[in-house]
N, C-alpha and C. Protein backbone atom coordinates (compact mmCIF):
# COMPACT_ATOMS: atom_id res chain seq x y z
N MET A 1 19.02 11.49 -6.59
CA MET A 1 18.36 11.52 -5.16
C MET A 1 17.12 12.49 -5.41
N ILE A 2 15.93 12.00 -5.08
CA ILE A 2 14.74 12.88 -5.08
C ILE A 2 14.51 13.30 -3.70
N SER A 3 14.45 14.65 -3.57
CA SER A 3 14.24 15.26 -2.34
C SER A 3 12.73 15.11 -1.92
N GLN A 4 12.60 14.88 -0.44
CA GLN A 4 11.10 14.68 0.21
C GLN A 4 10.27 15.77 -0.35
N GLU A 5 10.71 17.10 -0.68
CA GLU A 5 9.87 18.13 -1.22
C GLU A 5 9.23 17.75 -2.58
N ASN A 6 9.77 16.97 -3.34
CA ASN A 6 9.30 16.48 -4.51
C ASN A 6 8.53 15.08 -4.43
N TRP A 7 8.28 14.47 -3.30
CA TRP A 7 7.48 13.56 -3.20
C TRP A 7 6.01 13.94 -3.33
N VAL A 8 5.07 13.20 -3.72
CA VAL A 8 3.66 13.51 -4.06
C VAL A 8 2.99 12.53 -3.05
N TRP A 9 2.14 13.03 -1.97
CA TRP A 9 1.38 12.23 -1.18
C TRP A 9 -0.04 12.20 -1.68
N TYR A 10 -0.67 10.99 -1.67
CA TYR A 10 -2.06 10.73 -1.98
C TYR A 10 -2.93 10.35 -0.79
N GLY A 11 -4.21 10.87 -0.85
CA GLY A 11 -5.04 10.50 0.28
C GLY A 11 -5.92 9.33 0.07
N SER A 12 -5.57 8.61 -1.05
CA SER A 12 -6.43 7.37 -1.29
C SER A 12 -5.41 6.18 -1.32
N PRO A 13 -5.73 5.00 -1.19
CA PRO A 13 -5.04 3.78 -1.31
C PRO A 13 -4.75 3.44 -2.71
N GLN A 14 -3.59 3.10 -3.14
CA GLN A 14 -3.09 2.84 -4.51
C GLN A 14 -2.85 1.35 -4.98
N HIS A 15 -3.22 0.45 -4.23
CA HIS A 15 -3.36 -0.85 -4.56
C HIS A 15 -4.20 -1.69 -3.69
N PHE A 16 -4.49 -2.99 -4.09
CA PHE A 16 -5.24 -3.89 -3.24
C PHE A 16 -6.78 -3.64 -3.69
N CYS A 17 -7.28 -4.83 -4.15
CA CYS A 17 -8.71 -4.83 -4.67
C CYS A 17 -9.69 -4.37 -3.65
N CYS A 18 -9.50 -4.63 -2.42
CA CYS A 18 -10.41 -4.35 -1.32
C CYS A 18 -9.88 -3.17 -0.46
N ALA A 19 -9.04 -2.37 -1.00
CA ALA A 19 -8.52 -1.17 -0.32
C ALA A 19 -9.55 -0.31 0.25
N SER A 20 -10.77 -0.14 -0.32
CA SER A 20 -11.78 0.66 0.18
C SER A 20 -12.18 0.21 1.66
N MET A 21 -11.97 -0.95 1.85
CA MET A 21 -12.20 -1.55 3.11
C MET A 21 -11.16 -1.46 4.35
N CYS A 22 -9.96 -0.80 3.79
CA CYS A 22 -8.67 -0.72 4.73
C CYS A 22 -8.76 0.65 5.41
N ARG A 23 -8.58 0.45 6.75
CA ARG A 23 -8.72 1.70 7.33
C ARG A 23 -7.39 2.43 7.56
N PHE A 24 -6.28 1.85 7.13
CA PHE A 24 -4.91 2.24 6.90
C PHE A 24 -4.47 2.38 5.62
N HIS A 25 -4.31 3.39 5.11
CA HIS A 25 -3.51 3.59 3.79
C HIS A 25 -2.62 4.80 3.71
N LEU A 26 -1.48 4.66 2.92
CA LEU A 26 -0.49 5.86 2.68
C LEU A 26 -0.07 5.57 1.15
N ALA A 27 0.03 6.62 0.36
CA ALA A 27 0.49 6.39 -0.91
C ALA A 27 1.15 7.67 -1.25
N THR A 28 2.38 7.42 -1.84
CA THR A 28 3.34 8.47 -2.16
C THR A 28 4.14 8.13 -3.39
N LYS A 29 4.03 9.15 -4.34
CA LYS A 29 4.82 9.04 -5.61
C LYS A 29 5.96 9.62 -5.53
N VAL A 30 7.12 8.83 -5.71
CA VAL A 30 8.57 9.23 -5.57
C VAL A 30 9.25 8.85 -6.96
N GLY A 31 9.33 10.09 -7.63
CA GLY A 31 9.90 9.95 -9.05
C GLY A 31 9.02 9.23 -9.96
N GLU A 32 9.54 8.01 -10.41
CA GLU A 32 8.86 7.12 -11.28
C GLU A 32 7.97 6.12 -10.73
N TYR A 33 8.08 6.07 -9.35
CA TYR A 33 7.48 4.91 -8.62
C TYR A 33 6.30 5.54 -7.71
N ILE A 34 5.25 4.71 -7.49
CA ILE A 34 4.14 4.79 -6.47
C ILE A 34 4.55 3.81 -5.34
N ILE A 35 4.61 4.29 -4.04
CA ILE A 35 4.74 3.48 -2.98
C ILE A 35 3.29 3.46 -2.27
N SER A 36 2.77 2.28 -2.13
CA SER A 36 1.43 2.17 -1.60
C SER A 36 1.41 1.25 -0.42
N THR A 37 0.84 1.69 0.71
CA THR A 37 0.79 0.86 2.00
C THR A 37 -0.72 0.79 2.41
N VAL A 38 -1.22 -0.49 2.70
CA VAL A 38 -2.51 -0.63 3.18
C VAL A 38 -2.55 -1.58 4.32
N GLY A 39 -3.78 -1.58 5.00
CA GLY A 39 -3.76 -2.38 6.27
C GLY A 39 -4.99 -2.03 7.00
N ASN A 40 -5.05 -2.87 8.11
CA ASN A 40 -6.24 -2.64 9.02
C ASN A 40 -7.56 -2.85 8.19
N TYR A 41 -7.58 -4.03 7.57
CA TYR A 41 -8.65 -4.33 6.52
C TYR A 41 -9.82 -5.10 7.32
N HIS A 42 -10.97 -4.52 7.08
CA HIS A 42 -12.31 -5.03 7.69
C HIS A 42 -13.19 -5.22 6.64
N SER A 43 -13.51 -6.50 6.29
CA SER A 43 -14.49 -6.83 5.24
C SER A 43 -15.82 -6.62 5.73
N LEU A 44 -16.80 -6.76 4.91
CA LEU A 44 -18.20 -6.74 5.31
C LEU A 44 -18.73 -7.89 5.82
N LEU A 45 -18.10 -8.96 5.89
CA LEU A 45 -18.59 -10.22 6.36
C LEU A 45 -18.78 -10.28 7.90
N LYS A 46 -19.70 -10.91 8.42
CA LYS A 46 -19.86 -10.97 9.77
C LYS A 46 -18.76 -11.82 10.43
N LEU A 47 -18.23 -11.44 11.68
CA LEU A 47 -17.09 -11.92 12.20
C LEU A 47 -17.07 -13.53 12.28
N GLU A 48 -18.25 -14.08 12.48
CA GLU A 48 -18.36 -15.51 12.62
C GLU A 48 -18.13 -16.21 11.17
N ASP A 49 -18.39 -15.44 10.32
CA ASP A 49 -18.49 -15.95 8.84
C ASP A 49 -16.96 -15.70 8.24
N LYS A 50 -16.00 -15.06 8.88
CA LYS A 50 -14.78 -14.77 8.24
C LYS A 50 -13.93 -16.17 8.20
N LEU A 51 -13.17 -16.22 7.12
CA LEU A 51 -12.43 -17.48 7.12
C LEU A 51 -10.96 -17.14 7.05
N ARG A 52 -10.50 -15.84 7.12
CA ARG A 52 -9.26 -15.35 7.46
C ARG A 52 -8.84 -15.25 8.71
N ASP A 53 -7.44 -15.20 8.92
CA ASP A 53 -7.15 -14.82 10.43
C ASP A 53 -7.40 -13.45 10.65
N ILE A 54 -7.76 -13.06 11.95
CA ILE A 54 -7.92 -11.73 12.25
C ILE A 54 -7.02 -11.29 13.52
N ASN A 55 -6.88 -9.95 13.76
CA ASN A 55 -6.04 -9.75 14.95
C ASN A 55 -6.90 -9.26 15.96
N GLU A 56 -6.30 -8.73 16.99
CA GLU A 56 -7.19 -8.22 18.20
C GLU A 56 -8.03 -7.16 17.98
N ASP A 57 -8.02 -6.38 16.95
CA ASP A 57 -8.90 -5.32 16.64
C ASP A 57 -10.06 -5.84 15.80
N GLY A 58 -9.92 -6.95 15.26
CA GLY A 58 -10.92 -7.57 14.31
C GLY A 58 -10.57 -7.34 12.83
N ALA A 59 -9.36 -6.83 12.61
CA ALA A 59 -8.93 -6.59 11.24
C ALA A 59 -8.46 -7.98 10.63
N GLU A 60 -8.62 -8.25 9.30
CA GLU A 60 -8.35 -9.33 8.63
C GLU A 60 -6.93 -9.20 8.02
N GLU A 61 -6.21 -10.33 7.74
CA GLU A 61 -4.91 -10.22 6.89
C GLU A 61 -5.23 -9.63 5.68
N VAL A 62 -4.35 -8.89 5.12
CA VAL A 62 -4.44 -8.37 3.67
C VAL A 62 -3.64 -9.32 2.75
N GLY A 63 -3.00 -10.26 3.26
CA GLY A 63 -2.27 -11.32 2.55
C GLY A 63 -1.65 -12.32 3.64
N CYS A 64 -1.34 -13.40 3.01
CA CYS A 64 -0.86 -14.47 3.89
C CYS A 64 0.11 -13.96 4.97
N GLY A 65 -0.21 -14.08 6.10
CA GLY A 65 0.57 -13.95 7.30
C GLY A 65 0.85 -12.35 7.50
N ARG A 66 0.08 -11.43 7.12
CA ARG A 66 0.47 -10.02 7.28
C ARG A 66 -0.86 -9.27 7.35
N PHE A 67 -0.88 -8.20 8.21
CA PHE A 67 -2.03 -7.34 8.41
C PHE A 67 -1.92 -5.92 7.61
N TYR A 68 -0.72 -5.62 7.06
CA TYR A 68 -0.31 -4.38 6.60
C TYR A 68 0.66 -4.74 5.36
N GLU A 69 0.66 -4.09 4.33
CA GLU A 69 1.72 -4.33 3.30
C GLU A 69 2.09 -3.06 2.52
N THR A 70 3.28 -3.02 1.98
CA THR A 70 3.74 -2.02 1.22
C THR A 70 4.14 -2.64 -0.22
N MET A 71 3.53 -1.96 -1.28
CA MET A 71 3.91 -2.41 -2.57
C MET A 71 4.38 -1.21 -3.40
N VAL A 72 5.35 -1.43 -4.31
CA VAL A 72 5.92 -0.32 -4.95
C VAL A 72 5.73 -0.77 -6.56
N PHE A 73 5.08 0.18 -7.35
CA PHE A 73 4.86 0.15 -8.63
C PHE A 73 5.56 1.18 -9.56
N LEU A 74 5.81 0.81 -10.90
CA LEU A 74 6.40 1.86 -11.66
C LEU A 74 5.26 2.63 -12.34
N CYS A 75 5.46 3.93 -12.21
CA CYS A 75 4.48 4.78 -12.80
C CYS A 75 4.71 5.19 -14.19
N GLY A 76 3.73 5.66 -15.00
CA GLY A 76 3.89 6.19 -16.37
C GLY A 76 2.69 6.85 -16.84
N GLU A 77 2.79 7.03 -18.08
CA GLU A 77 1.52 7.91 -18.54
C GLU A 77 0.30 7.10 -18.97
N GLU A 78 0.59 5.77 -19.15
CA GLU A 78 -0.60 4.82 -19.55
C GLU A 78 -1.23 4.43 -18.38
N ASP A 79 -2.74 4.66 -18.24
CA ASP A 79 -3.44 4.27 -17.25
C ASP A 79 -4.00 2.90 -17.50
N LYS A 80 -3.68 1.98 -16.47
CA LYS A 80 -4.25 0.52 -16.44
C LYS A 80 -5.67 0.37 -15.92
N GLU A 81 -6.44 1.37 -15.73
CA GLU A 81 -7.73 1.34 -15.18
C GLU A 81 -7.84 0.55 -13.95
N CYS A 82 -7.01 0.82 -13.08
CA CYS A 82 -6.83 0.26 -11.61
C CYS A 82 -7.78 0.90 -10.80
N GLY A 83 -8.21 2.12 -11.12
CA GLY A 83 -9.09 2.79 -10.10
C GLY A 83 -8.60 3.58 -9.01
N CYS A 84 -7.19 3.87 -9.09
CA CYS A 84 -6.50 4.40 -8.12
C CYS A 84 -5.99 5.85 -8.41
N HIS A 85 -6.39 6.31 -9.56
CA HIS A 85 -6.00 7.75 -9.95
C HIS A 85 -4.54 7.91 -10.14
N VAL A 86 -3.74 6.95 -10.25
CA VAL A 86 -2.35 7.02 -10.62
C VAL A 86 -2.18 6.21 -11.86
N ASN A 87 -1.32 6.62 -12.65
CA ASN A 87 -0.95 5.85 -13.92
C ASN A 87 0.08 4.91 -13.58
N ILE A 88 -0.27 3.68 -13.60
CA ILE A 88 0.75 2.50 -13.38
C ILE A 88 1.07 1.73 -14.63
N THR A 89 2.49 1.77 -14.93
CA THR A 89 2.95 1.29 -16.22
C THR A 89 2.71 -0.25 -16.26
N ASP A 90 2.91 -0.95 -15.12
CA ASP A 90 2.96 -2.45 -14.89
C ASP A 90 2.34 -2.64 -13.64
N LEU A 91 1.20 -3.54 -13.72
CA LEU A 91 0.65 -3.73 -12.53
C LEU A 91 1.25 -4.80 -11.50
N SER A 92 2.42 -5.26 -12.06
CA SER A 92 3.29 -6.20 -11.11
C SER A 92 4.15 -5.34 -10.28
N GLU A 93 4.02 -5.64 -9.00
CA GLU A 93 4.93 -4.75 -8.06
C GLU A 93 6.50 -5.01 -8.26
N VAL A 94 7.13 -4.02 -8.04
CA VAL A 94 8.80 -3.95 -8.26
C VAL A 94 9.26 -4.34 -6.78
N ASP A 95 8.57 -4.19 -5.75
CA ASP A 95 9.14 -4.23 -4.51
C ASP A 95 7.95 -4.51 -3.51
N PHE A 96 8.21 -5.13 -2.40
CA PHE A 96 7.10 -5.52 -1.40
C PHE A 96 7.70 -5.71 -0.11
N LYS A 97 6.90 -5.49 1.02
CA LYS A 97 7.10 -5.70 2.41
C LYS A 97 5.83 -5.80 3.04
N GLY A 98 5.80 -6.86 4.10
CA GLY A 98 4.63 -6.99 4.92
C GLY A 98 4.92 -6.61 6.24
N TYR A 99 3.87 -6.34 7.17
CA TYR A 99 3.93 -5.86 8.46
C TYR A 99 2.94 -6.33 9.26
N GLN A 100 2.99 -6.26 10.66
CA GLN A 100 1.89 -7.00 11.53
C GLN A 100 1.29 -5.79 12.10
N THR A 101 1.89 -4.49 12.42
CA THR A 101 1.36 -3.30 12.96
C THR A 101 1.33 -1.95 12.14
N ALA A 102 0.48 -1.17 12.57
CA ALA A 102 0.43 0.15 11.94
C ALA A 102 1.62 0.81 12.16
N SER A 103 2.15 0.74 13.28
CA SER A 103 3.58 1.49 13.49
C SER A 103 4.71 0.90 12.57
N GLU A 104 4.71 -0.36 12.37
CA GLU A 104 5.71 -0.94 11.53
C GLU A 104 5.30 -0.49 10.18
N ALA A 105 4.10 -0.60 9.73
CA ALA A 105 3.79 -0.16 8.37
C ALA A 105 4.09 1.25 7.99
N ASN A 106 3.77 2.23 8.90
CA ASN A 106 4.17 3.47 8.82
C ASN A 106 5.67 3.76 8.41
N ALA A 107 6.37 3.33 9.48
CA ALA A 107 7.79 3.21 9.26
C ALA A 107 8.39 2.60 8.03
N GLY A 108 7.75 1.57 7.68
CA GLY A 108 8.18 0.66 6.39
C GLY A 108 7.86 1.55 5.18
N HIS A 109 6.75 2.20 5.22
CA HIS A 109 6.43 3.01 4.06
C HIS A 109 7.40 4.09 3.90
N PHE A 110 7.71 4.74 4.85
CA PHE A 110 8.70 5.74 4.74
C PHE A 110 10.13 5.26 4.32
N ARG A 111 10.43 4.11 4.92
CA ARG A 111 11.74 3.59 4.55
C ARG A 111 11.72 3.19 2.85
N MET A 112 10.67 2.75 2.55
CA MET A 112 10.53 2.37 1.10
C MET A 112 10.51 3.51 0.14
N CYS A 113 9.93 4.74 0.78
CA CYS A 113 10.00 5.95 -0.09
C CYS A 113 11.53 6.53 -0.12
N GLU A 114 12.21 6.40 0.98
CA GLU A 114 13.52 6.82 0.95
C GLU A 114 14.49 5.91 0.14
N LYS A 115 14.19 4.81 0.05
CA LYS A 115 14.91 3.68 -0.71
C LYS A 115 14.75 4.13 -2.33
N TYR A 116 13.56 4.42 -2.76
CA TYR A 116 13.45 4.82 -4.14
C TYR A 116 13.82 6.18 -4.37
N ALA A 117 13.70 7.00 -3.40
CA ALA A 117 14.21 8.50 -3.83
C ALA A 117 15.79 8.49 -3.94
N GLU A 118 16.47 7.42 -3.35
CA GLU A 118 17.87 7.34 -3.37
C GLU A 118 18.30 6.72 -4.68
N GLU A 119 17.45 5.88 -5.34
CA GLU A 119 17.81 5.05 -6.54
C GLU A 119 17.67 5.98 -7.82
N GLN A 120 17.06 7.03 -7.61
CA GLN A 120 16.74 7.87 -8.82
C GLN A 120 17.50 9.06 -8.78
């Protein structure tokens, strides 16, 4: 088990190619894993030009049927040039969860951190 005192919190999003346009992001390194949550995505397209579903705040889906998502990646020493300042061993996620609200995403991010803290 990895205690919360040993979790590393990052101030930048750690996945999603359009993460710079997400107004919500959490990223935590728990042992060998990085847990990344993004959402509240607002692209630079004009509202009338958007092809994706939007919510009441004008945010677009980050993926099919979800406005927020958490993905977990294995970390290592080799940098895969993903631009997120964390060395990710494999760009394929090892775990995933989608959400509809910021509150669900916040709670889900923490649950995912706890899950991977217990597994190590």
